[in-house]
Amino acid sequence: MIEGKDIYLRPMEIPDVKHKVQWLNDPEVRKMLIYSDYPASIIATEQWLRRVATDTTRKDFIVCLKADDTPVGFAGLKNIDRENKKAESYLGIGVKEYWGKGLGLDIKRTLAIYSFDDLKLNKLYSYHLTDNKPMININLKLGGREDGVLREDVYNDGVLADRVMISILRSDLKR
C-alpha cells in the first residue's frame, strides 16, 4: 500500500475490475480520459488485468480513501524505463462527487513520490487532452512543465483531439 494524504494506492485486483468498468463506461468520466476501447467490459478488463499484472514496465493501482477504504479511482505507471529513469503516469477519479476536492493532486503527488523515492526514477510524464485543465493544473502545481502539444493526436469523443505532454523531474517536484 502506498499512502498519500487522504488516499492510498493498492495494486489493482480482479474484484476491482467492476469499479473500473463502471467508471470507464460513464460518459462524463470517459470524456476526461484518453480511452478509446469503449464500451469497457468486465471480461475484457479482467483479461487486460491478468495480462498486465506481471508486466514489469507497469504498476496499476486502485485509489481508495483512507477514511473508509472506498475505491474512488485508478492510477498507475506505464512504460517504466529503468535504464532512462522515467515512466508515464495516469490517473482517473471515477467517483464524480470527489472531483474538484483535491484528490487528483494527492494521487499525482503520491505517484510521483513513489516513482522518485521507491523506484528511483528521475522523470514522470503524462499526456492530457488540452481541454482537461484540472489535470494540467495539477501537474503544474507539482512542479511539472509543459513539454509540448501533440496536435490532433488522438481520436476522443468523436473528434481528433490535441494532447499536451507534461513532465515532472525529481528535482522539480513540489512535495
Protein backbone atom coordinates (compact mmCIF):
# COMPACT_ATOMS: atom_id res chain seq x y z
CA MET A 1 0.00 0.00 0.00
CA ILE A 2 1.27 3.46 -0.94
CA GLU A 3 -0.09 6.21 1.28
CA GLY A 4 -0.92 9.76 0.33
CA LYS A 5 -2.55 12.47 2.42
CA ASP A 6 -6.20 11.38 2.11
CA ILE A 7 -5.86 8.39 -0.23
CA TYR A 8 -3.82 5.26 -0.64
CA LEU A 9 -2.89 3.26 -3.71
CA ARG A 10 -3.06 -0.50 -3.70
CA PRO A 11 -2.45 -2.97 -6.51
CA MET A 12 -5.49 -3.47 -8.72
CA GLU A 13 -7.08 -6.88 -8.22
CA ILE A 14 -9.83 -8.80 -10.05
CA PRO A 15 -12.58 -7.68 -7.60
CA ASP A 16 -11.70 -4.04 -8.52
CA VAL A 17 -12.47 -4.59 -12.20
CA LYS A 18 -16.21 -3.94 -11.69
CA HIS A 19 -15.40 -0.45 -10.40
CA LYS A 20 -13.02 0.38 -13.22
CA VAL A 21 -15.51 -0.82 -15.86
CA GLN A 22 -18.30 1.24 -14.29
CA TRP A 23 -16.07 4.34 -14.30
CA LEU A 24 -14.80 3.85 -17.86
CA ASN A 25 -18.35 3.43 -19.13
CA ASP A 26 -19.51 6.69 -17.53
CA PRO A 27 -19.56 9.29 -20.35
CA GLU A 28 -18.52 12.17 -18.05
CA VAL A 29 -15.55 10.25 -16.64
CA ARG A 30 -14.51 8.90 -20.04
CA LYS A 31 -14.58 12.37 -21.60
CA MET A 32 -11.69 13.43 -19.35
CA LEU A 33 -9.64 10.32 -20.15
CA ILE A 34 -7.83 9.25 -23.27
CA TYR A 35 -9.64 5.93 -23.58
CA SER A 36 -10.86 4.53 -26.86
CA ASP A 37 -11.86 0.94 -26.03
CA TYR A 38 -15.47 1.83 -25.22
CA PRO A 39 -17.62 0.20 -24.03
CA ALA A 40 -15.46 -1.49 -21.41
CA SER A 41 -16.49 -4.98 -20.36
CA ILE A 42 -15.75 -6.92 -17.22
CA ILE A 43 -14.41 -9.92 -19.19
CA ALA A 44 -12.06 -7.84 -21.35
CA THR A 45 -10.90 -5.76 -18.40
CA GLU A 46 -10.19 -8.89 -16.34
CA GLN A 47 -8.18 -10.28 -19.26
CA TRP A 48 -6.28 -6.98 -19.51
CA LEU A 49 -5.50 -7.02 -15.78
CA ARG A 50 -4.29 -10.63 -15.87
CA ARG A 51 -2.02 -9.74 -18.81
CA VAL A 52 -0.50 -6.57 -17.29
CA ALA A 53 -0.25 -7.81 -13.69
CA THR A 54 3.14 -9.38 -14.38
CA ASP A 55 4.42 -6.68 -16.74
CA THR A 56 7.46 -5.13 -15.05
CA THR A 57 7.04 -1.94 -17.08
CA ARG A 58 3.71 -1.17 -15.38
CA LYS A 59 2.20 -0.54 -11.95
CA ASP A 60 -1.61 -0.39 -11.88
CA PHE A 61 -3.40 0.75 -8.74
CA ILE A 62 -6.85 1.32 -7.31
CA VAL A 63 -7.20 4.59 -5.41
CA CYS A 64 -9.00 4.28 -2.07
CA LEU A 65 -9.98 6.81 0.55
CA LYS A 66 -8.04 6.43 3.79
CA ALA A 67 -11.10 7.36 5.84
CA ASP A 68 -13.21 4.34 4.85
CA ASP A 69 -11.32 2.30 2.19
CA THR A 70 -13.82 3.29 -0.53
CA PRO A 71 -12.43 2.83 -4.06
CA VAL A 72 -12.73 6.17 -5.88
CA GLY A 73 -10.44 5.82 -8.89
CA PHE A 74 -7.45 4.26 -10.54
CA ALA A 75 -3.89 5.35 -11.22
CA GLY A 76 -0.61 3.94 -12.28
CA LEU A 77 2.62 3.98 -14.17
CA LYS A 78 3.29 2.51 -17.57
CA ASN A 79 6.25 2.41 -19.91
CA ILE A 80 8.53 2.26 -16.86
CA ASP A 81 12.01 2.69 -18.29
CA ARG A 82 14.52 1.90 -15.55
CA GLU A 83 17.52 2.50 -17.81
CA ASN A 84 16.44 6.06 -18.65
CA LYS A 85 14.78 6.54 -15.24
CA LYS A 86 11.35 7.63 -16.45
CA ALA A 87 7.73 6.47 -16.63
CA GLU A 88 4.35 7.63 -17.89
CA SER A 89 1.71 8.23 -15.23
CA TYR A 90 -2.05 8.11 -15.50
CA LEU A 91 -4.99 8.55 -13.19
CA GLY A 92 -8.75 8.75 -13.21
CA ILE A 93 -11.19 9.65 -10.46
CA GLY A 94 -14.27 7.57 -11.16
CA VAL A 95 -16.50 8.78 -8.34
CA LYS A 96 -17.53 12.21 -9.59
CA GLU A 97 -18.54 13.52 -6.16
CA TYR A 98 -14.79 13.69 -5.43
CA TRP A 99 -13.95 15.80 -8.48
CA GLY A 100 -12.54 19.19 -7.52
CA LYS A 101 -11.82 18.17 -3.92
CA GLY A 102 -8.02 17.87 -4.17
CA LEU A 103 -7.83 14.10 -4.65
CA GLY A 104 -6.22 14.40 -8.08
CA LEU A 105 -3.36 16.42 -6.59
CA ASP A 106 -2.99 13.92 -3.74
CA ILE A 107 -2.97 10.97 -6.17
CA LYS A 108 -0.46 12.53 -8.56
CA ARG A 109 1.84 13.64 -5.71
CA THR A 110 1.68 10.14 -4.19
CA LEU A 111 2.54 8.56 -7.56
CA ALA A 112 5.42 10.99 -8.05
CA ILE A 113 6.91 10.39 -4.60
CA TYR A 114 6.63 6.62 -5.13
CA SER A 115 8.25 6.94 -8.56
CA PHE A 116 11.15 9.06 -7.35
CA ASP A 117 11.79 7.62 -3.88
CA ASP A 118 10.94 3.93 -4.29
CA LEU A 119 11.52 3.26 -7.98
CA LYS A 120 14.43 5.74 -8.18
CA LEU A 121 13.11 7.33 -11.37
CA ASN A 122 14.01 10.86 -12.40
CA LYS A 123 11.13 11.81 -14.68
CA LEU A 124 7.40 11.28 -14.62
CA TYR A 125 5.45 12.32 -17.71
CA SER A 126 1.82 12.29 -18.70
CA TYR A 127 -0.45 13.16 -21.60
CA HIS A 128 -3.66 15.14 -21.18
CA LEU A 129 -6.31 16.45 -23.51
CA THR A 130 -5.67 20.16 -23.88
CA ASP A 131 -9.12 20.97 -22.51
CA ASN A 132 -8.54 18.91 -19.34
CA LYS A 133 -7.45 21.99 -17.39
CA PRO A 134 -7.80 20.37 -13.94
CA MET A 135 -5.19 17.69 -14.75
CA ILE A 136 -2.89 20.17 -16.46
CA ASN A 137 -3.09 22.44 -13.40
CA ILE A 138 -2.40 19.54 -11.01
CA ASN A 139 0.81 18.74 -12.88
CA LEU A 140 1.90 22.39 -12.94
CA LYS A 141 1.20 22.75 -9.18
CA LEU A 142 3.55 19.84 -8.54
CA GLY A 143 6.37 21.49 -10.49
CA GLY A 144 5.65 19.97 -13.89
CA ARG A 145 6.35 21.72 -17.16
CA GLU A 146 4.60 21.51 -20.49
CA ASP A 147 6.90 19.76 -22.96
CA GLY A 148 4.67 20.40 -25.96
CA VAL A 149 1.34 19.93 -27.67
CA LEU A 150 0.67 16.95 -29.91
CA ARG A 151 -1.81 18.29 -32.46
CA GLU A 152 -4.80 16.15 -33.49
CA ASP A 153 -3.07 13.26 -31.76
CA VAL A 154 -5.91 11.06 -30.51
CA TYR A 155 -9.46 10.32 -31.54
CA ASN A 156 -11.54 11.16 -28.49
CA ASP A 157 -15.25 11.77 -28.06
CA GLY A 158 -15.82 11.84 -31.83
CA VAL A 159 -13.03 14.23 -32.81
CA LEU A 160 -9.28 14.27 -33.30
CA ALA A 161 -8.04 15.99 -30.17
CA ASP A 162 -4.82 17.71 -29.16
CA ARG A 163 -2.83 16.38 -26.21
CA VAL A 164 -0.31 18.18 -24.06
CA MET A 165 2.71 16.33 -22.67
CA ILE A 166 3.80 17.40 -19.21
CA SER A 167 6.79 16.14 -17.28
CA ILE A 168 7.89 16.43 -13.67
CA LEU A 169 11.53 15.89 -12.76
CA ARG A 170 12.62 14.62 -9.39
CA SER A 171 14.36 17.95 -8.75
CA ASP A 172 11.22 19.93 -9.66
CA LEU A 173 8.66 18.07 -7.54
CA LYS A 174 6.88 20.27 -5.03
CA ARG A 175 6.23 17.85 -2.20
